[in-house]
Amino acid sequence: MARRIAPGQTSFLANDVMLNAIDEHSPGSRQPEDLYVRIDDLVLDHIRRAPGIQRRQLWLSILAADFVRFRRSEFNGAVKALRDTGCITGAQ
């Protein structure tokens, strides 16, 4: 029996698969040292616009605005860094 994909899961998977393909075929086209600065700003901007937003909804919101720009792992790293530094709190 085929596994059901939850709403939004296709976007999660397609985003990372497409970024992997871009990185494989165009090495150096993305600058890893700049990613967290930009994604940090996006995370904070989305949280300011929707206080109390849950992590999954936050990621879907960022995907809608910036599809194939960041991997989910980069997003998770940015959220963790923002929590560790006290910039965000709660269940984000």
PDB file of N, CA and C in Angstrom:
ATOM      1  N   MET A   1       0.837  -1.178   0.000  1.00  0.00           N
ATOM      2  CA  MET A   1       0.000   0.000   0.000  1.00  0.00           C
ATOM      3  C   MET A   1       0.881   1.241   0.000  1.00  0.00           C
ATOM      4  N   ALA A   2       0.531   2.207  -0.794  1.00  0.00           N
ATOM      5  CA  ALA A   2       1.320   3.433  -0.908  1.00  0.00           C
ATOM      6  C   ALA A   2       1.181   4.277   0.352  1.00  0.00           C
ATOM      7  N   ARG A   3       2.280   4.904   0.712  1.00  0.00           N
ATOM      8  CA  ARG A   3       2.284   5.785   1.878  1.00  0.00           C
ATOM      9  C   ARG A   3       1.639   7.112   1.517  1.00  0.00           C
ATOM     10  N   ARG A   4       0.769   7.598   2.358  1.00  0.00           N
ATOM     11  CA  ARG A   4       0.103   8.878   2.111  1.00  0.00           C
ATOM     12  C   ARG A   4       1.045  10.012   2.480  1.00  0.00           C
ATOM     13  N   ILE A   5       1.025  11.043   1.687  1.00  0.00           N
ATOM     14  CA  ILE A   5       1.850  12.222   1.951  1.00  0.00           C
ATOM     15  C   ILE A   5       0.948  13.300   2.533  1.00  0.00           C
ATOM     16  N   ALA A   6       1.342  13.808   3.676  1.00  0.00           N
ATOM     17  CA  ALA A   6       0.565  14.847   4.356  1.00  0.00           C
ATOM     18  C   ALA A   6       0.602  16.148   3.561  1.00  0.00           C
ATOM     19  N   PRO A   7      -0.449  16.974   3.704  1.00  0.00           N
ATOM     20  CA  PRO A   7      -0.434  18.280   3.027  1.00  0.00           C
ATOM     21  C   PRO A   7       0.826  19.059   3.384  1.00  0.00           C
ATOM     22  N   GLY A   8       1.426  19.638   2.393  1.00  0.00           N
ATOM     23  CA  GLY A   8       2.654  20.399   2.616  1.00  0.00           C
ATOM     24  C   GLY A   8       3.907  19.550   2.507  1.00  0.00           C
ATOM     25  N   GLN A   9       3.791  18.231   2.678  1.00  0.00           N
ATOM     26  CA  GLN A   9       4.954  17.346   2.622  1.00  0.00           C
ATOM     27  C   GLN A   9       5.574  17.346   1.228  1.00  0.00           C
ATOM     28  N   THR A  10       4.739  17.433   0.194  1.00  0.00           N
ATOM     29  CA  THR A  10       5.260  17.478  -1.176  1.00  0.00           C
ATOM     30  C   THR A  10       6.162  18.694  -1.349  1.00  0.00           C
ATOM     31  N   SER A  11       5.754  19.821  -0.807  1.00  0.00           N
ATOM     32  CA  SER A  11       6.573  21.028  -0.897  1.00  0.00           C
ATOM     33  C   SER A  11       7.896  20.838  -0.178  1.00  0.00           C
ATOM     34  N   PHE A  12       7.853  20.194   1.004  1.00  0.00           N
ATOM     35  CA  PHE A  12       9.087  19.934   1.744  1.00  0.00           C
ATOM     36  C   PHE A  12      10.042  19.114   0.896  1.00  0.00           C
ATOM     37  N   LEU A  13       9.531  18.030   0.339  1.00  0.00           N
ATOM     38  CA  LEU A  13      10.372  17.112  -0.425  1.00  0.00           C
ATOM     39  C   LEU A  13      10.866  17.743  -1.719  1.00  0.00           C
ATOM     40  N   ALA A  14       9.961  18.362  -2.466  1.00  0.00           N
ATOM     41  CA  ALA A  14      10.338  18.957  -3.747  1.00  0.00           C
ATOM     42  C   ALA A  14      11.365  20.056  -3.566  1.00  0.00           C
ATOM     43  N   ASN A  15      11.214  20.857  -2.535  1.00  0.00           N
ATOM     44  CA  ASN A  15      12.147  21.948  -2.277  1.00  0.00           C
ATOM     45  C   ASN A  15      13.567  21.409  -2.106  1.00  0.00           C
ATOM     46  N   ASP A  16      13.745  20.427  -1.226  1.00  0.00           N
ATOM     47  CA  ASP A  16      15.087  19.896  -0.964  1.00  0.00           C
ATOM     48  C   ASP A  16      15.644  19.147  -2.170  1.00  0.00           C
ATOM     49  N   VAL A  17      14.804  18.398  -2.881  1.00  0.00           N
ATOM     50  CA  VAL A  17      15.259  17.667  -4.070  1.00  0.00           C
ATOM     51  C   VAL A  17      15.731  18.649  -5.132  1.00  0.00           C
ATOM     52  N   MET A  18      14.973  19.701  -5.340  1.00  0.00           N
ATOM     53  CA  MET A  18      15.346  20.688  -6.355  1.00  0.00           C
ATOM     54  C   MET A  18      16.620  21.429  -5.966  1.00  0.00           C
ATOM     55  N   LEU A  19      16.772  21.767  -4.695  1.00  0.00           N
ATOM     56  CA  LEU A  19      18.011  22.428  -4.260  1.00  0.00           C
ATOM     57  C   LEU A  19      19.211  21.507  -4.423  1.00  0.00           C
ATOM     58  N   ASN A  20      19.045  20.226  -4.127  1.00  0.00           N
ATOM     59  CA  ASN A  20      20.136  19.269  -4.330  1.00  0.00           C
ATOM     60  C   ASN A  20      20.542  19.221  -5.797  1.00  0.00           C
ATOM     61  N   ALA A  21      19.564  19.231  -6.694  1.00  0.00           N
ATOM     62  CA  ALA A  21      19.858  19.202  -8.133  1.00  0.00           C
ATOM     63  C   ALA A  21      20.581  20.476  -8.570  1.00  0.00           C
ATOM     64  N   ILE A  22      20.139  21.620  -8.059  1.00  0.00           N
ATOM     65  CA  ILE A  22      20.797  22.890  -8.396  1.00  0.00           C
ATOM     66  C   ILE A  22      22.255  22.859  -7.930  1.00  0.00           C
ATOM     67  N   ASP A  23      22.469  22.429  -6.689  1.00  0.00           N
ATOM     68  CA  ASP A  23      23.826  22.382  -6.144  1.00  0.00           C
ATOM     69  C   ASP A  23      24.701  21.391  -6.911  1.00  0.00           C
ATOM     70  N   GLU A  24      24.110  20.287  -7.359  1.00  0.00           N
ATOM     71  CA  GLU A  24      24.879  19.285  -8.092  1.00  0.00           C
ATOM     72  C   GLU A  24      25.284  19.790  -9.477  1.00  0.00           C
ATOM     73  N   HIS A  25      24.378  20.510 -10.137  1.00  0.00           N
ATOM     74  CA  HIS A  25      24.642  20.945 -11.504  1.00  0.00           C
ATOM     75  C   HIS A  25      25.256  22.342 -11.608  1.00  0.00           C
ATOM     76  N   SER A  26      25.174  23.098 -10.544  1.00  0.00           N
ATOM     77  CA  SER A  26      25.750  24.448 -10.542  1.00  0.00           C
ATOM     78  C   SER A  26      26.502  24.681  -9.238  1.00  0.00           C
ATOM     79  N   PRO A  27      27.599  23.956  -9.026  1.00  0.00           N
ATOM     80  CA  PRO A  27      28.339  24.107  -7.774  1.00  0.00           C
ATOM     81  C   PRO A  27      28.734  25.568  -7.541  1.00  0.00           C
ATOM     82  N   GLY A  28      28.585  26.005  -6.311  1.00  0.00           N
ATOM     83  CA  GLY A  28      28.976  27.367  -5.968  1.00  0.00           C
ATOM     84  C   GLY A  28      27.937  28.418  -6.287  1.00  0.00           C
ATOM     85  N   SER A  29      26.771  28.008  -6.833  1.00  0.00           N
ATOM     86  CA  SER A  29      25.764  29.009  -7.181  1.00  0.00           C
ATOM     87  C   SER A  29      25.104  29.592  -5.942  1.00  0.00           C
ATOM     88  N   ARG A  30      25.126  28.841  -4.853  1.00  0.00           N
ATOM     89  CA  ARG A  30      24.616  29.346  -3.574  1.00  0.00           C
ATOM     90  C   ARG A  30      25.807  29.548  -2.656  1.00  0.00           C
ATOM     91  N   GLN A  31      25.745  30.580  -1.834  1.00  0.00           N
ATOM     92  CA  GLN A  31      26.855  30.879  -0.937  1.00  0.00           C
ATOM     93  C   GLN A  31      26.460  30.471   0.479  1.00  0.00           C
ATOM     94  N   PRO A  32      26.916  29.298   0.951  1.00  0.00           N
ATOM     95  CA  PRO A  32      26.496  28.788   2.257  1.00  0.00           C
ATOM     96  C   PRO A  32      26.744  29.733   3.420  1.00  0.00           C
ATOM     97  N   GLU A  33      27.818  30.507   3.367  1.00  0.00           N
ATOM     98  CA  GLU A  33      28.121  31.391   4.497  1.00  0.00           C
ATOM     99  C   GLU A  33      27.081  32.501   4.654  1.00  0.00           C
ATOM    100  N   ASP A  34      26.335  32.802   3.603  1.00  0.00           N
ATOM    101  CA  ASP A  34      25.325  33.857   3.657  1.00  0.00           C
ATOM    102  C   ASP A  34      23.928  33.325   3.976  1.00  0.00           C
ATOM    103  N   LEU A  35      23.725  32.015   3.904  1.00  0.00           N
ATOM    104  CA  LEU A  35      22.385  31.461   4.028  1.00  0.00           C
ATOM    105  C   LEU A  35      21.739  31.756   5.365  1.00  0.00           C
ATOM    106  N   TYR A  36      22.473  31.529   6.460  1.00  0.00           N
ATOM    107  CA  TYR A  36      21.843  31.681   7.761  1.00  0.00           C
ATOM    108  C   TYR A  36      21.480  33.122   8.067  1.00  0.00           C
ATOM    109  N   VAL A  37      22.275  34.064   7.592  1.00  0.00           N
ATOM    110  CA  VAL A  37      21.942  35.472   7.814  1.00  0.00           C
ATOM    111  C   VAL A  37      20.620  35.785   7.131  1.00  0.00           C
ATOM    112  N   ARG A  38      20.477  35.366   5.895  1.00  0.00           N
ATOM    113  CA  ARG A  38      19.252  35.662   5.170  1.00  0.00           C
ATOM    114  C   ARG A  38      18.060  34.888   5.705  1.00  0.00           C
ATOM    115  N   ILE A  39      18.238  33.624   6.022  1.00  0.00           N
ATOM    116  CA  ILE A  39      17.098  32.857   6.525  1.00  0.00           C
ATOM    117  C   ILE A  39      16.723  33.309   7.930  1.00  0.00           C
ATOM    118  N   ASP A  40      17.700  33.715   8.737  1.00  0.00           N
ATOM    119  CA  ASP A  40      17.386  34.279  10.059  1.00  0.00           C
ATOM    120  C   ASP A  40      16.453  35.475   9.904  1.00  0.00           C
ATOM    121  N   ASP A  41      16.788  36.359   8.977  1.00  0.00           N
ATOM    122  CA  ASP A  41      15.964  37.543   8.747  1.00  0.00           C
ATOM    123  C   ASP A  41      14.553  37.162   8.297  1.00  0.00           C
ATOM    124  N   LEU A  42      14.466  36.173   7.415  1.00  0.00           N
ATOM    125  CA  LEU A  42      13.153  35.718   6.952  1.00  0.00           C
ATOM    126  C   LEU A  42      12.335  35.125   8.087  1.00  0.00           C
ATOM    127  N   VAL A  43      12.959  34.288   8.909  1.00  0.00           N
ATOM    128  CA  VAL A  43      12.266  33.678  10.039  1.00  0.00           C
ATOM    129  C   VAL A  43      11.726  34.771  10.963  1.00  0.00           C
ATOM    130  N   LEU A  44      12.576  35.714  11.327  1.00  0.00           N
ATOM    131  CA  LEU A  44      12.144  36.793  12.217  1.00  0.00           C
ATOM    132  C   LEU A  44      11.037  37.635  11.595  1.00  0.00           C
ATOM    133  N   ASP A  45      11.138  37.911  10.303  1.00  0.00           N
ATOM    134  CA  ASP A  45      10.113  38.692   9.610  1.00  0.00           C
ATOM    135  C   ASP A  45       8.769  37.963   9.624  1.00  0.00           C
ATOM    136  N   HIS A  46       8.781  36.671   9.336  1.00  0.00           N
ATOM    137  CA  HIS A  46       7.537  35.891   9.333  1.00  0.00           C
ATOM    138  C   HIS A  46       6.939  35.804  10.734  1.00  0.00           C
ATOM    139  N   ILE A  47       7.779  35.670  11.757  1.00  0.00           N
ATOM    140  CA  ILE A  47       7.283  35.613  13.137  1.00  0.00           C
ATOM    141  C   ILE A  47       6.685  36.956  13.554  1.00  0.00           C
ATOM    142  N   ARG A  48       7.305  38.043  13.121  1.00  0.00           N
ATOM    143  CA  ARG A  48       6.759  39.378  13.444  1.00  0.00           C
ATOM    144  C   ARG A  48       5.370  39.557  12.825  1.00  0.00           C
ATOM    145  N   ARG A  49       5.200  39.031  11.594  1.00  0.00           N
ATOM    146  CA  ARG A  49       3.918  39.173  10.909  1.00  0.00           C
ATOM    147  C   ARG A  49       2.856  38.218  11.448  1.00  0.00           C
ATOM    148  N   ALA A  50       3.287  37.115  12.057  1.00  0.00           N
ATOM    149  CA  ALA A  50       2.337  36.118  12.578  1.00  0.00           C
ATOM    150  C   ALA A  50       2.832  35.605  13.927  1.00  0.00           C
ATOM    151  N   PRO A  51       2.743  36.426  14.965  1.00  0.00           N
ATOM    152  CA  PRO A  51       3.215  35.995  16.290  1.00  0.00           C
ATOM    153  C   PRO A  51       2.522  34.690  16.711  1.00  0.00           C
ATOM    154  N   GLY A  52       3.292  33.792  17.314  1.00  0.00           N
ATOM    155  CA  GLY A  52       2.746  32.526  17.770  1.00  0.00           C
ATOM    156  C   GLY A  52       2.657  31.455  16.706  1.00  0.00           C
ATOM    157  N   ILE A  53       3.138  31.744  15.496  1.00  0.00           N
ATOM    158  CA  ILE A  53       3.092  30.769  14.402  1.00  0.00           C
ATOM    159  C   ILE A  53       3.881  29.519  14.795  1.00  0.00           C
ATOM    160  N   GLN A  54       3.357  28.368  14.455  1.00  0.00           N
ATOM    161  CA  GLN A  54       4.034  27.107  14.734  1.00  0.00           C
ATOM    162  C   GLN A  54       5.120  26.857  13.688  1.00  0.00           C
ATOM    163  N   ARG A  55       6.112  26.059  14.053  1.00  0.00           N
ATOM    164  CA  ARG A  55       7.274  25.820  13.195  1.00  0.00           C
ATOM    165  C   ARG A  55       6.866  25.318  11.802  1.00  0.00           C
ATOM    166  N   ARG A  56       5.955  24.360  11.739  1.00  0.00           N
ATOM    167  CA  ARG A  56       5.538  23.801  10.437  1.00  0.00           C
ATOM    168  C   ARG A  56       4.909  24.879   9.564  1.00  0.00           C
ATOM    169  N   GLN A  57       4.017  25.679  10.145  1.00  0.00           N
ATOM    170  CA  GLN A  57       3.387  26.753   9.379  1.00  0.00           C
ATOM    171  C   GLN A  57       4.407  27.808   8.977  1.00  0.00           C
ATOM    172  N   LEU A  58       5.353  28.069   9.849  1.00  0.00           N
ATOM    173  CA  LEU A  58       6.416  29.022   9.542  1.00  0.00           C
ATOM    174  C   LEU A  58       7.212  28.559   8.329  1.00  0.00           C
ATOM    175  N   TRP A  59       7.580  27.274   8.304  1.00  0.00           N
ATOM    176  CA  TRP A  59       8.337  26.721   7.180  1.00  0.00           C
ATOM    177  C   TRP A  59       7.509  26.771   5.904  1.00  0.00           C
ATOM    178  N   LEU A  60       6.226  26.417   5.986  1.00  0.00           N
ATOM    179  CA  LEU A  60       5.372  26.474   4.794  1.00  0.00           C
ATOM    180  C   LEU A  60       5.242  27.907   4.281  1.00  0.00           C
ATOM    181  N   SER A  61       5.184  28.861   5.191  1.00  0.00           N
ATOM    182  CA  SER A  61       5.105  30.265   4.809  1.00  0.00           C
ATOM    183  C   SER A  61       6.384  30.718   4.097  1.00  0.00           C
ATOM    184  N   ILE A  62       7.523  30.283   4.622  1.00  0.00           N
ATOM    185  CA  ILE A  62       8.805  30.624   3.986  1.00  0.00           C
ATOM    186  C   ILE A  62       8.921  29.927   2.631  1.00  0.00           C
ATOM    187  N   LEU A  63       8.475  28.676   2.545  1.00  0.00           N
ATOM    188  CA  LEU A  63       8.494  27.978   1.255  1.00  0.00           C
ATOM    189  C   LEU A  63       7.654  28.711   0.221  1.00  0.00           C
ATOM    190  N   ALA A  64       6.484  29.177   0.631  1.00  0.00           N
ATOM    191  CA  ALA A  64       5.602  29.876  -0.304  1.00  0.00           C
ATOM    192  C   ALA A  64       6.256  31.153  -0.832  1.00  0.00           C
ATOM    193  N   ALA A  65       6.998  31.823   0.029  1.00  0.00           N
ATOM    194  CA  ALA A  65       7.632  33.089  -0.366  1.00  0.00           C
ATOM    195  C   ALA A  65       8.979  32.890  -1.049  1.00  0.00           C
ATOM    196  N   ASP A  66       9.709  31.851  -0.669  1.00  0.00           N
ATOM    197  CA  ASP A  66      11.087  31.662  -1.151  1.00  0.00           C
ATOM    198  C   ASP A  66      11.356  30.199  -1.508  1.00  0.00           C
ATOM    199  N   PHE A  67      10.524  29.627  -2.373  1.00  0.00           N
ATOM    200  CA  PHE A  67      10.673  28.227  -2.765  1.00  0.00           C
ATOM    201  C   PHE A  67      12.029  28.012  -3.443  1.00  0.00           C
ATOM    202  N   VAL A  68      12.672  26.931  -3.129  1.00  0.00           N
ATOM    203  CA  VAL A  68      13.971  26.523  -3.668  1.00  0.00           C
ATOM    204  C   VAL A  68      15.053  27.549  -3.360  1.00  0.00           C
ATOM    205  N   ARG A  69      14.987  28.094  -2.173  1.00  0.00           N
ATOM    206  CA  ARG A  69      16.042  29.008  -1.732  1.00  0.00           C
ATOM    207  C   ARG A  69      16.784  28.440  -0.524  1.00  0.00           C
ATOM    208  N   PHE A  70      16.053  27.736   0.335  1.00  0.00           N
ATOM    209  CA  PHE A  70      16.641  27.169   1.548  1.00  0.00           C
ATOM    210  C   PHE A  70      16.167  25.734   1.740  1.00  0.00           C
ATOM    211  N   ARG A  71      17.036  24.905   2.275  1.00  0.00           N
ATOM    212  CA  ARG A  71      16.662  23.542   2.658  1.00  0.00           C
ATOM    213  C   ARG A  71      15.980  23.573   4.022  1.00  0.00           C
ATOM    214  N   ARG A  72      15.201  22.531   4.276  1.00  0.00           N
ATOM    215  CA  ARG A  72      14.545  22.444   5.583  1.00  0.00           C
ATOM    216  C   ARG A  72      15.593  22.386   6.700  1.00  0.00           C
ATOM    217  N   SER A  73      16.703  21.701   6.447  1.00  0.00           N
ATOM    218  CA  SER A  73      17.754  21.622   7.475  1.00  0.00           C
ATOM    219  C   SER A  73      18.348  23.004   7.759  1.00  0.00           C
ATOM    220  N   GLU A  74      18.444  23.858   6.748  1.00  0.00           N
ATOM    221  CA  GLU A  74      18.948  25.221   6.948  1.00  0.00           C
ATOM    222  C   GLU A  74      17.946  26.033   7.773  1.00  0.00           C
ATOM    223  N   PHE A  75      16.668  25.847   7.471  1.00  0.00           N
ATOM    224  CA  PHE A  75      15.613  26.497   8.249  1.00  0.00           C
ATOM    225  C   PHE A  75      15.677  26.041   9.706  1.00  0.00           C
ATOM    226  N   ASN A  76      15.765  24.723   9.926  1.00  0.00           N
ATOM    227  CA  ASN A  76      15.829  24.199  11.296  1.00  0.00           C
ATOM    228  C   ASN A  76      17.050  24.731  12.036  1.00  0.00           C
ATOM    229  N   GLY A  77      18.179  24.824  11.344  1.00  0.00           N
ATOM    230  CA  GLY A  77      19.394  25.368  11.954  1.00  0.00           C
ATOM    231  C   GLY A  77      19.233  26.832  12.337  1.00  0.00           C
ATOM    232  N   ALA A  78      18.566  27.586  11.476  1.00  0.00           N
ATOM    233  CA  ALA A  78      18.345  29.000  11.759  1.00  0.00           C
ATOM    234  C   ALA A  78      17.408  29.175  12.957  1.00  0.00           C
ATOM    235  N   VAL A  79      16.339  28.385  12.997  1.00  0.00           N
ATOM    236  CA  VAL A  79      15.402  28.467  14.124  1.00  0.00           C
ATOM    237  C   VAL A  79      16.116  28.106  15.421  1.00  0.00           C
ATOM    238  N   LYS A  80      16.924  27.047  15.393  1.00  0.00           N
ATOM    239  CA  LYS A  80      17.674  26.635  16.588  1.00  0.00           C
ATOM    240  C   LYS A  80      18.626  27.742  17.032  1.00  0.00           C
ATOM    241  N   ALA A  81      19.354  28.342  16.093  1.00  0.00           N
ATOM    242  CA  ALA A  81      20.289  29.419  16.433  1.00  0.00           C
ATOM    243  C   ALA A  81      19.548  30.611  17.034  1.00  0.00           C
ATOM    244  N   LEU A  82      18.398  30.951  16.481  1.00  0.00           N
ATOM    245  CA  LEU A  82      17.615  32.068  17.016  1.00  0.00           C
ATOM    246  C   LEU A  82      17.089  31.752  18.415  1.00  0.00           C
ATOM    247  N   ARG A  83      16.697  30.509  18.649  1.00  0.00           N
ATOM    248  CA  ARG A  83      16.243  30.120  19.992  1.00  0.00           C
ATOM    249  C   ARG A  83      17.417  30.129  20.974  1.00  0.00           C
ATOM    250  N   ASP A  84      18.569  29.596  20.540  1.00  0.00           N
ATOM    251  CA  ASP A  84      19.746  29.525  21.413  1.00  0.00           C
ATOM    252  C   ASP A  84      20.233  30.910  21.839  1.00  0.00           C
ATOM    253  N   THR A  85      20.063  31.899  20.970  1.00  0.00           N
ATOM    254  CA  THR A  85      20.506  33.256  21.280  1.00  0.00           C
ATOM    255  C   THR A  85      19.416  34.091  21.943  1.00  0.00           C
ATOM    256  N   GLY A  86      18.243  33.501  22.120  1.00  0.00           N
ATOM    257  CA  GLY A  86      17.142  34.205  22.776  1.00  0.00           C
ATOM    258  C   GLY A  86      16.357  35.159  21.884  1.00  0.00           C
ATOM    259  N   CYS A  87      16.622  35.134  20.584  1.00  0.00           N
ATOM    260  CA  CYS A  87      15.893  36.013  19.674  1.00  0.00           C
ATOM    261  C   CYS A  87      14.433  35.592  19.525  1.00  0.00           C
ATOM    262  N   ILE A  88      14.180  34.293  19.645  1.00  0.00           N
ATOM    263  CA  ILE A  88      12.808  33.787  19.637  1.00  0.00           C
ATOM    264  C   ILE A  88      12.665  32.832  20.807  1.00  0.00           C
ATOM    265  N   THR A  89      11.442  32.678  21.260  1.00  0.00           N
ATOM    266  CA  THR A  89      11.156  31.780  22.378  1.00  0.00           C
ATOM    267  C   THR A  89       9.900  30.976  22.044  1.00  0.00           C
ATOM    268  N   GLY A  90       9.560  30.083  22.915  1.00  0.00           N
ATOM    269  CA  GLY A  90       8.333  29.323  22.753  1.00  0.00           C
ATOM    270  C   GLY A  90       8.519  28.127  21.842  1.00  0.00           C
ATOM    271  N   ALA A  91       7.422  27.708  21.253  1.00  0.00           N
ATOM    272  CA  ALA A  91       7.388  26.463  20.486  1.00  0.00           C
ATOM    273  C   ALA A  91       7.753  26.650  19.026  1.00  0.00           C
ATOM    274  N   GLN A  92       8.251  27.822  18.633  1.00  0.00           N
ATOM    275  CA  GLN A  92       8.600  28.004  17.229  1.00  0.00           C
ATOM    276  C   GLN A  92       9.571  26.955  16.911  1.00  0.00           C
TER     277      GLN A  92
END
